[in-house]
Amino acid sequence: MKLSVIIPVYNEKSTISEVIDRVKAVDIPKEIIVVDDGSRDGTTEVLKQKLANEQILTVHTSLINIGKGAAVRIGIEYAAGDITIIQDADLELDPQEYHQIVSLIDKGECDVVYGSRFLGRGYFTYYRNIPFGSRFGNWILAAIVRIFWGARITDEATSYKAFRTSFLKLIPLKCTGFEFCPEITAKVLNRGKKICEVPITYHPRTVAEGKKVHWKDGIKAIWTLFKYRFIEKDA
């Protein structure tokens, strides 16, 4: 098994080097694909330095900022591993937990696995340092998926989404921004695939620390789920 790790990054100078090092340390044969989505804070220069010394690292640099969805789509084009996983360029999640996520795909139990921050923990008691609106938004998204598709997942918006690469490449994605998550969820379920979940740890950061997701992205996520369930369900 070879793993393709796609890291979309925008203005993460302070964390991108450590994220790459943490991914490298995972004991799984892998390739690391970093898509620099028009960073302007020095991230590009950090990546150039890393690229000079890393054999398993591919970097694509965009001249302008388009969005996470566009960066992930570019990364998918490069992916050559058996399994592909999405890794954000912050330090909120632990790459050492790749093992439990990709093992279900490697064993043939699932083609799609999400690492859930809420499985077995709930939304409103465990992560008290996360703003209530964010926790409520995650609950809403998971509830919509259950209502629209009957799929019992707990973390639709998780960064850790892993796929059998051959299946992922067949999904026609249109996303440019954070709507990647609801679009891929909808299109996976529309194709009759089960989404498996495993629990993961989570170390949330604040807006002051660089978190970029806004409440408007939550509204867009709800609309995206609705659109691909009822309007463009064959897309």
C-alpha atoms as a PDB file:
ATOM      1  CA  MET A   1       0.000   0.000   0.000  1.00  0.00           C
ATOM      2  CA  LYS A   2       1.198   3.468  -0.898  1.00  0.00           C
ATOM      3  CA  LEU A   3      -0.431   6.576   0.535  1.00  0.00           C
ATOM      4  CA  SER A   4      -0.824   9.910  -1.243  1.00  0.00           C
ATOM      5  CA  VAL A   5      -1.074  12.790   1.246  1.00  0.00           C
ATOM      6  CA  ILE A   6      -2.542  15.966  -0.238  1.00  0.00           C
ATOM      7  CA  ILE A   7      -1.787  19.127   1.764  1.00  0.00           C
ATOM      8  CA  PRO A   8      -3.613  22.247   0.527  1.00  0.00           C
ATOM      9  CA  VAL A   9      -1.940  25.288   2.061  1.00  0.00           C
ATOM     10  CA  TYR A  10      -2.585  29.016   2.135  1.00  0.00           C
ATOM     11  CA  ASN A  11      -0.581  31.363   4.372  1.00  0.00           C
ATOM     12  CA  GLU A  12       0.629  28.762   6.887  1.00  0.00           C
ATOM     13  CA  LYS A  13       4.284  29.790   7.194  1.00  0.00           C
ATOM     14  CA  SER A  14       4.416  29.013  10.909  1.00  0.00           C
ATOM     15  CA  THR A  15       3.103  25.441  10.645  1.00  0.00           C
ATOM     16  CA  ILE A  16       3.699  23.969   7.175  1.00  0.00           C
ATOM     17  CA  SER A  17       7.245  22.765   7.822  1.00  0.00           C
ATOM     18  CA  GLU A  18       6.251  20.920  11.000  1.00  0.00           C
ATOM     19  CA  VAL A  19       3.190  19.435   9.316  1.00  0.00           C
ATOM     20  CA  ILE A  20       5.378  18.008   6.550  1.00  0.00           C
ATOM     21  CA  ASP A  21       7.817  16.620   9.125  1.00  0.00           C
ATOM     22  CA  ARG A  22       4.967  14.987  11.061  1.00  0.00           C
ATOM     23  CA  VAL A  23       3.583  13.429   7.898  1.00  0.00           C
ATOM     24  CA  LYS A  24       7.047  12.180   6.948  1.00  0.00           C
ATOM     25  CA  ALA A  25       7.371  10.500  10.336  1.00  0.00           C
ATOM     26  CA  VAL A  26       4.344   8.266   9.741  1.00  0.00           C
ATOM     27  CA  ASP A  27       5.560   4.731   9.055  1.00  0.00           C
ATOM     28  CA  ILE A  28       3.615   4.186   5.831  1.00  0.00           C
ATOM     29  CA  PRO A  29       5.036   4.242   2.277  1.00  0.00           C
ATOM     30  CA  LYS A  30       3.875   7.584   0.968  1.00  0.00           C
ATOM     31  CA  GLU A  31       4.145  10.572  -1.307  1.00  0.00           C
ATOM     32  CA  ILE A  32       3.437  14.088  -0.047  1.00  0.00           C
ATOM     33  CA  ILE A  33       1.719  16.492  -2.415  1.00  0.00           C
ATOM     34  CA  VAL A  34       1.629  20.114  -1.242  1.00  0.00           C
ATOM     35  CA  VAL A  35      -0.511  22.568  -3.186  1.00  0.00           C
ATOM     36  CA  ASP A  36       0.416  26.145  -2.286  1.00  0.00           C
ATOM     37  CA  ASP A  37      -2.714  28.126  -3.064  1.00  0.00           C
ATOM     38  CA  GLY A  38      -1.184  31.551  -3.701  1.00  0.00           C
ATOM     39  CA  SER A  39       0.361  32.122  -0.256  1.00  0.00           C
ATOM     40  CA  ARG A  40       1.716  35.605   0.456  1.00  0.00           C
ATOM     41  CA  ASP A  41       3.162  35.219   3.957  1.00  0.00           C
ATOM     42  CA  GLY A  42       6.419  33.377   3.221  1.00  0.00           C
ATOM     43  CA  THR A  43       4.925  29.875   2.974  1.00  0.00           C
ATOM     44  CA  THR A  44       6.205  29.598  -0.602  1.00  0.00           C
ATOM     45  CA  GLU A  45       9.788  30.249   0.491  1.00  0.00           C
ATOM     46  CA  VAL A  46       9.524  27.657   3.288  1.00  0.00           C
ATOM     47  CA  LEU A  47       8.295  25.087   0.761  1.00  0.00           C
ATOM     48  CA  LYS A  48      11.172  25.818  -1.606  1.00  0.00           C
ATOM     49  CA  GLN A  49      13.611  25.056   1.204  1.00  0.00           C
ATOM     50  CA  LYS A  50      11.793  21.829   2.094  1.00  0.00           C
ATOM     51  CA  LEU A  51      11.641  20.741  -1.533  1.00  0.00           C
ATOM     52  CA  ALA A  52      15.401  20.938  -1.894  1.00  0.00           C
ATOM     53  CA  ASN A  53      15.876  18.246   0.750  1.00  0.00           C
ATOM     54  CA  GLU A  54      12.841  15.981   0.423  1.00  0.00           C
ATOM     55  CA  GLN A  55      12.613  13.068  -2.005  1.00  0.00           C
ATOM     56  CA  ILE A  56       8.937  12.268  -1.404  1.00  0.00           C
ATOM     57  CA  LEU A  57       7.637  15.809  -1.689  1.00  0.00           C
ATOM     58  CA  THR A  58       5.859  17.364  -4.664  1.00  0.00           C
ATOM     59  CA  VAL A  59       4.914  21.044  -4.559  1.00  0.00           C
ATOM     60  CA  HIS A  60       2.498  22.792  -6.897  1.00  0.00           C
ATOM     61  CA  THR A  61       2.451  26.577  -6.548  1.00  0.00           C
ATOM     62  CA  SER A  62      -0.509  28.677  -7.690  1.00  0.00           C
ATOM     63  CA  LEU A  63       0.069  32.347  -8.497  1.00  0.00           C
ATOM     64  CA  ILE A  64      -3.279  33.359  -7.003  1.00  0.00           C
ATOM     65  CA  ASN A  65      -5.433  32.201  -4.121  1.00  0.00           C
ATOM     66  CA  ILE A  66      -8.405  30.202  -5.406  1.00  0.00           C
ATOM     67  CA  GLY A  67      -9.466  28.088  -2.438  1.00  0.00           C
ATOM     68  CA  LYS A  68      -9.059  24.775  -0.638  1.00  0.00           C
ATOM     69  CA  GLY A  69     -11.313  22.876  -3.026  1.00  0.00           C
ATOM     70  CA  ALA A  70      -9.314  23.942  -6.066  1.00  0.00           C
ATOM     71  CA  ALA A  71      -6.066  23.034  -4.301  1.00  0.00           C
ATOM     72  CA  VAL A  72      -7.368  19.565  -3.403  1.00  0.00           C
ATOM     73  CA  ARG A  73      -8.504  18.994  -6.978  1.00  0.00           C
ATOM     74  CA  ILE A  74      -5.002  19.822  -8.221  1.00  0.00           C
ATOM     75  CA  GLY A  75      -3.551  17.449  -5.646  1.00  0.00           C
ATOM     76  CA  ILE A  76      -5.819  14.618  -6.799  1.00  0.00           C
ATOM     77  CA  GLU A  77      -4.391  14.948 -10.302  1.00  0.00           C
ATOM     78  CA  TYR A  78      -0.902  14.259  -8.899  1.00  0.00           C
ATOM     79  CA  ALA A  79      -1.947  11.399  -6.612  1.00  0.00           C
ATOM     80  CA  ALA A  80      -0.388   8.072  -7.564  1.00  0.00           C
ATOM     81  CA  GLY A  81      -0.821   6.098  -4.352  1.00  0.00           C
ATOM     82  CA  ASP A  82      -3.355   3.357  -3.649  1.00  0.00           C
ATOM     83  CA  ILE A  83      -5.050   5.507  -0.991  1.00  0.00           C
ATOM     84  CA  THR A  84      -5.360   9.302  -0.833  1.00  0.00           C
ATOM     85  CA  ILE A  85      -5.895  11.316   2.354  1.00  0.00           C
ATOM     86  CA  ILE A  86      -6.377  15.049   2.855  1.00  0.00           C
ATOM     87  CA  GLN A  87      -4.145  16.767   5.425  1.00  0.00           C
ATOM     88  CA  ASP A  88      -4.689  20.387   6.443  1.00  0.00           C
ATOM     89  CA  ALA A  89      -1.570  22.541   6.832  1.00  0.00           C
ATOM     90  CA  ASP A  90      -2.259  23.394  10.463  1.00  0.00           C
ATOM     91  CA  LEU A  91      -1.507  21.321  13.566  1.00  0.00           C
ATOM     92  CA  GLU A  92      -5.083  20.495  14.570  1.00  0.00           C
ATOM     93  CA  LEU A  93      -4.872  16.791  13.673  1.00  0.00           C
ATOM     94  CA  ASP A  94      -2.253  14.074  14.247  1.00  0.00           C
ATOM     95  CA  PRO A  95      -0.843  12.285  11.165  1.00  0.00           C
ATOM     96  CA  GLN A  96       0.092   9.299  13.350  1.00  0.00           C
ATOM     97  CA  GLU A  97      -3.617   8.461  13.229  1.00  0.00           C
ATOM     98  CA  TYR A  98      -3.387   7.723   9.488  1.00  0.00           C
ATOM     99  CA  HIS A  99      -2.872   4.058  10.415  1.00  0.00           C
ATOM    100  CA  GLN A 100      -6.349   3.541  11.846  1.00  0.00           C
ATOM    101  CA  ILE A 101      -7.964   5.530   9.034  1.00  0.00           C
ATOM    102  CA  VAL A 102      -6.354   3.870   6.028  1.00  0.00           C
ATOM    103  CA  SER A 103      -6.326   0.358   7.492  1.00  0.00           C
ATOM    104  CA  LEU A 104     -10.061  -0.015   6.778  1.00  0.00           C
ATOM    105  CA  ILE A 105      -9.436   0.748   3.103  1.00  0.00           C
ATOM    106  CA  ASP A 106      -6.329  -1.441   2.962  1.00  0.00           C
ATOM    107  CA  LYS A 107      -8.325  -4.376   4.386  1.00  0.00           C
ATOM    108  CA  GLY A 108     -11.085  -3.865   1.811  1.00  0.00           C
ATOM    109  CA  GLU A 109     -13.717  -2.962   4.411  1.00  0.00           C
ATOM    110  CA  CYS A 110     -14.446   0.516   2.977  1.00  0.00           C
ATOM    111  CA  ASP A 111     -13.487   2.690   0.027  1.00  0.00           C
ATOM    112  CA  VAL A 112     -14.012   5.916   1.984  1.00  0.00           C
ATOM    113  CA  VAL A 113     -13.066   6.605   5.616  1.00  0.00           C
ATOM    114  CA  TYR A 114     -13.503   9.802   7.626  1.00  0.00           C
ATOM    115  CA  GLY A 115     -11.582  10.554  10.800  1.00  0.00           C
ATOM    116  CA  SER A 116     -14.255  11.828  13.180  1.00  0.00           C
ATOM    117  CA  ARG A 117     -13.581  14.404  15.883  1.00  0.00           C
ATOM    118  CA  PHE A 118     -16.981  13.727  17.467  1.00  0.00           C
ATOM    119  CA  LEU A 119     -17.499   9.962  17.263  1.00  0.00           C
ATOM    120  CA  GLY A 120     -18.114   8.708  20.800  1.00  0.00           C
ATOM    121  CA  ARG A 121     -17.656  12.213  22.220  1.00  0.00           C
ATOM    122  CA  GLY A 122     -20.670  14.274  21.201  1.00  0.00           C
ATOM    123  CA  TYR A 123     -20.772  17.888  20.039  1.00  0.00           C
ATOM    124  CA  PHE A 124     -21.647  19.931  23.100  1.00  0.00           C
ATOM    125  CA  THR A 125     -19.697  18.613  26.093  1.00  0.00           C
ATOM    126  CA  TYR A 126     -16.278  17.358  24.985  1.00  0.00           C
ATOM    127  CA  TYR A 127     -14.792  20.318  23.078  1.00  0.00           C
ATOM    128  CA  ARG A 128     -15.746  23.189  25.348  1.00  0.00           C
ATOM    129  CA  ASN A 129     -12.929  25.348  23.931  1.00  0.00           C
ATOM    130  CA  ILE A 130     -14.603  25.326  20.510  1.00  0.00           C
ATOM    131  CA  PRO A 131     -17.182  28.117  20.005  1.00  0.00           C
ATOM    132  CA  PHE A 132     -20.739  26.830  20.394  1.00  0.00           C
ATOM    133  CA  GLY A 133     -21.615  27.980  16.881  1.00  0.00           C
ATOM    134  CA  SER A 134     -18.932  25.764  15.388  1.00  0.00           C
ATOM    135  CA  ARG A 135     -20.047  22.719  17.364  1.00  0.00           C
ATOM    136  CA  PHE A 136     -23.681  23.368  16.462  1.00  0.00           C
ATOM    137  CA  GLY A 137     -22.733  23.778  12.800  1.00  0.00           C
ATOM    138  CA  ASN A 138     -20.977  20.413  12.757  1.00  0.00           C
ATOM    139  CA  TRP A 139     -24.038  18.813  14.358  1.00  0.00           C
ATOM    140  CA  ILE A 140     -26.298  20.386  11.735  1.00  0.00           C
ATOM    141  CA  LEU A 141     -24.166  19.122   8.833  1.00  0.00           C
ATOM    142  CA  ALA A 142     -24.085  15.577  10.196  1.00  0.00           C
ATOM    143  CA  ALA A 143     -27.847  15.689  10.783  1.00  0.00           C
ATOM    144  CA  ILE A 144     -28.476  16.826   7.210  1.00  0.00           C
ATOM    145  CA  VAL A 145     -26.425  13.922   5.865  1.00  0.00           C
ATOM    146  CA  ARG A 146     -28.480  11.493   7.991  1.00  0.00           C
ATOM    147  CA  ILE A 147     -31.772  13.038   6.824  1.00  0.00           C
ATOM    148  CA  PHE A 148     -30.888  13.352   3.125  1.00  0.00           C
ATOM    149  CA  TRP A 149     -29.032  10.048   2.656  1.00  0.00           C
ATOM    150  CA  GLY A 150     -29.685   7.986   5.776  1.00  0.00           C
ATOM    151  CA  ALA A 151     -25.917   7.841   6.357  1.00  0.00           C
ATOM    152  CA  ARG A 152     -25.002   7.881  10.029  1.00  0.00           C
ATOM    153  CA  ILE A 153     -21.792   9.899  10.065  1.00  0.00           C
ATOM    154  CA  THR A 154     -20.793  12.251  12.870  1.00  0.00           C
ATOM    155  CA  ASP A 155     -18.213  14.541  11.236  1.00  0.00           C
ATOM    156  CA  GLU A 156     -19.022  15.669   7.713  1.00  0.00           C
ATOM    157  CA  ALA A 157     -16.559  18.576   7.866  1.00  0.00           C
ATOM    158  CA  THR A 158     -13.500  16.669   9.056  1.00  0.00           C
ATOM    159  CA  SER A 159     -10.225  17.314   7.267  1.00  0.00           C
ATOM    160  CA  TYR A 160      -9.206  13.676   7.482  1.00  0.00           C
ATOM    161  CA  LYS A 161     -11.007  12.162   4.541  1.00  0.00           C
ATOM    162  CA  ALA A 162      -9.365   9.095   2.968  1.00  0.00           C
ATOM    163  CA  PHE A 163     -10.314   7.386  -0.287  1.00  0.00           C
ATOM    164  CA  ARG A 164      -9.266   4.537  -2.495  1.00  0.00           C
ATOM    165  CA  THR A 165      -7.516   6.667  -5.110  1.00  0.00           C
ATOM    166  CA  SER A 166      -9.004   4.874  -8.111  1.00  0.00           C
ATOM    167  CA  PHE A 167     -12.499   5.715  -6.821  1.00  0.00           C
ATOM    168  CA  LEU A 168     -11.618   9.305  -5.893  1.00  0.00           C
ATOM    169  CA  LYS A 169     -10.339  10.056  -9.379  1.00  0.00           C
ATOM    170  CA  LEU A 170     -13.718   9.052 -10.854  1.00  0.00           C
ATOM    171  CA  ILE A 171     -15.612  11.745  -8.924  1.00  0.00           C
ATOM    172  CA  PRO A 172     -16.105  14.947 -10.968  1.00  0.00           C
ATOM    173  CA  LEU A 173     -15.470  17.724  -8.455  1.00  0.00           C
ATOM    174  CA  LYS A 174     -16.387  21.362  -9.099  1.00  0.00           C
ATOM    175  CA  CYS A 175     -15.496  22.929  -5.738  1.00  0.00           C
ATOM    176  CA  THR A 176     -13.103  25.826  -5.330  1.00  0.00           C
ATOM    177  CA  GLY A 177     -13.367  26.633  -1.614  1.00  0.00           C
ATOM    178  CA  PHE A 178     -14.347  24.919   1.629  1.00  0.00           C
ATOM    179  CA  GLU A 179     -17.355  23.361  -0.106  1.00  0.00           C
ATOM    180  CA  PHE A 180     -15.004  20.501  -1.013  1.00  0.00           C
ATOM    181  CA  CYS A 181     -16.174  18.638   2.097  1.00  0.00           C
ATOM    182  CA  PRO A 182     -19.948  18.657   1.438  1.00  0.00           C
ATOM    183  CA  GLU A 183     -19.473  18.113  -2.300  1.00  0.00           C
ATOM    184  CA  ILE A 184     -17.292  15.033  -1.883  1.00  0.00           C
ATOM    185  CA  THR A 185     -19.586  13.687   0.853  1.00  0.00           C
ATOM    186  CA  ALA A 186     -22.666  14.103  -1.330  1.00  0.00           C
ATOM    187  CA  LYS A 187     -21.071  12.584  -4.408  1.00  0.00           C
ATOM    188  CA  VAL A 188     -19.670   9.615  -2.496  1.00  0.00           C
ATOM    189  CA  LEU A 189     -23.103   8.860  -1.050  1.00  0.00           C
ATOM    190  CA  ASN A 190     -24.856   9.460  -4.375  1.00  0.00           C
ATOM    191  CA  ARG A 191     -22.683   6.686  -5.794  1.00  0.00           C
ATOM    192  CA  GLY A 192     -23.872   4.259  -3.166  1.00  0.00           C
ATOM    193  CA  LYS A 193     -20.622   4.140  -1.204  1.00  0.00           C
ATOM    194  CA  LYS A 194     -20.623   3.783   2.552  1.00  0.00           C
ATOM    195  CA  ILE A 195     -18.565   6.286   4.546  1.00  0.00           C
ATOM    196  CA  CYS A 196     -16.848   4.578   7.477  1.00  0.00           C
ATOM    197  CA  GLU A 197     -15.637   6.586  10.474  1.00  0.00           C
ATOM    198  CA  VAL A 198     -12.921   6.145  13.071  1.00  0.00           C
ATOM    199  CA  PRO A 199     -12.360   8.449  16.078  1.00  0.00           C
ATOM    200  CA  ILE A 200      -9.440  10.892  15.937  1.00  0.00           C
ATOM    201  CA  THR A 201      -7.986  13.440  18.327  1.00  0.00           C
ATOM    202  CA  TYR A 202      -8.411  17.155  17.694  1.00  0.00           C
ATOM    203  CA  HIS A 203      -6.470  20.217  18.828  1.00  0.00           C
ATOM    204  CA  PRO A 204      -8.545  23.179  17.600  1.00  0.00           C
ATOM    205  CA  ARG A 205      -6.994  26.557  16.925  1.00  0.00           C
ATOM    206  CA  THR A 206      -8.671  29.951  17.050  1.00  0.00           C
ATOM    207  CA  VAL A 207      -9.223  32.575  14.361  1.00  0.00           C
ATOM    208  CA  ALA A 208      -6.398  34.587  15.962  1.00  0.00           C
ATOM    209  CA  GLU A 209      -4.138  31.572  15.477  1.00  0.00           C
ATOM    210  CA  GLY A 210      -5.018  31.323  11.792  1.00  0.00           C
ATOM    211  CA  LYS A 211      -8.265  29.376  11.481  1.00  0.00           C
ATOM    212  CA  LYS A 212      -9.917  30.402   8.205  1.00  0.00           C
ATOM    213  CA  VAL A 213     -13.351  28.763   8.187  1.00  0.00           C
ATOM    214  CA  HIS A 214     -16.154  31.338   8.579  1.00  0.00           C
ATOM    215  CA  TRP A 215     -19.835  30.918   9.465  1.00  0.00           C
ATOM    216  CA  LYS A 216     -20.663  31.742   5.844  1.00  0.00           C
ATOM    217  CA  ASP A 217     -18.809  28.566   4.832  1.00  0.00           C
ATOM    218  CA  GLY A 218     -21.307  26.644   6.963  1.00  0.00           C
ATOM    219  CA  ILE A 219     -24.214  28.147   5.043  1.00  0.00           C
ATOM    220  CA  LYS A 220     -22.491  27.269   1.776  1.00  0.00           C
ATOM    221  CA  ALA A 221     -21.940  23.709   3.012  1.00  0.00           C
ATOM    222  CA  ILE A 222     -25.654  23.273   3.744  1.00  0.00           C
ATOM    223  CA  TRP A 223     -26.541  24.596   0.289  1.00  0.00           C
ATOM    224  CA  THR A 224     -23.969  22.300  -1.339  1.00  0.00           C
ATOM    225  CA  LEU A 225     -25.422  19.207   0.356  1.00  0.00           C
ATOM    226  CA  PHE A 226     -28.933  20.244  -0.738  1.00  0.00           C
ATOM    227  CA  LYS A 227     -27.820  20.981  -4.308  1.00  0.00           C
ATOM    228  CA  TYR A 228     -26.101  17.641  -4.866  1.00  0.00           C
ATOM    229  CA  ARG A 229     -28.913  15.685  -3.221  1.00  0.00           C
ATOM    230  CA  PHE A 230     -31.852  17.231  -5.046  1.00  0.00           C
ATOM    231  CA  ILE A 231     -30.759  19.507  -7.902  1.00  0.00           C
ATOM    232  CA  GLU A 232     -27.595  17.996  -9.359  1.00  0.00           C
ATOM    233  CA  LYS A 233     -27.833  14.519  -7.844  1.00  0.00           C
ATOM    234  CA  ASP A 234     -26.449  12.878 -10.984  1.00  0.00           C
ATOM    235  CA  ALA A 235     -23.416  15.186 -11.162  1.00  0.00           C
END
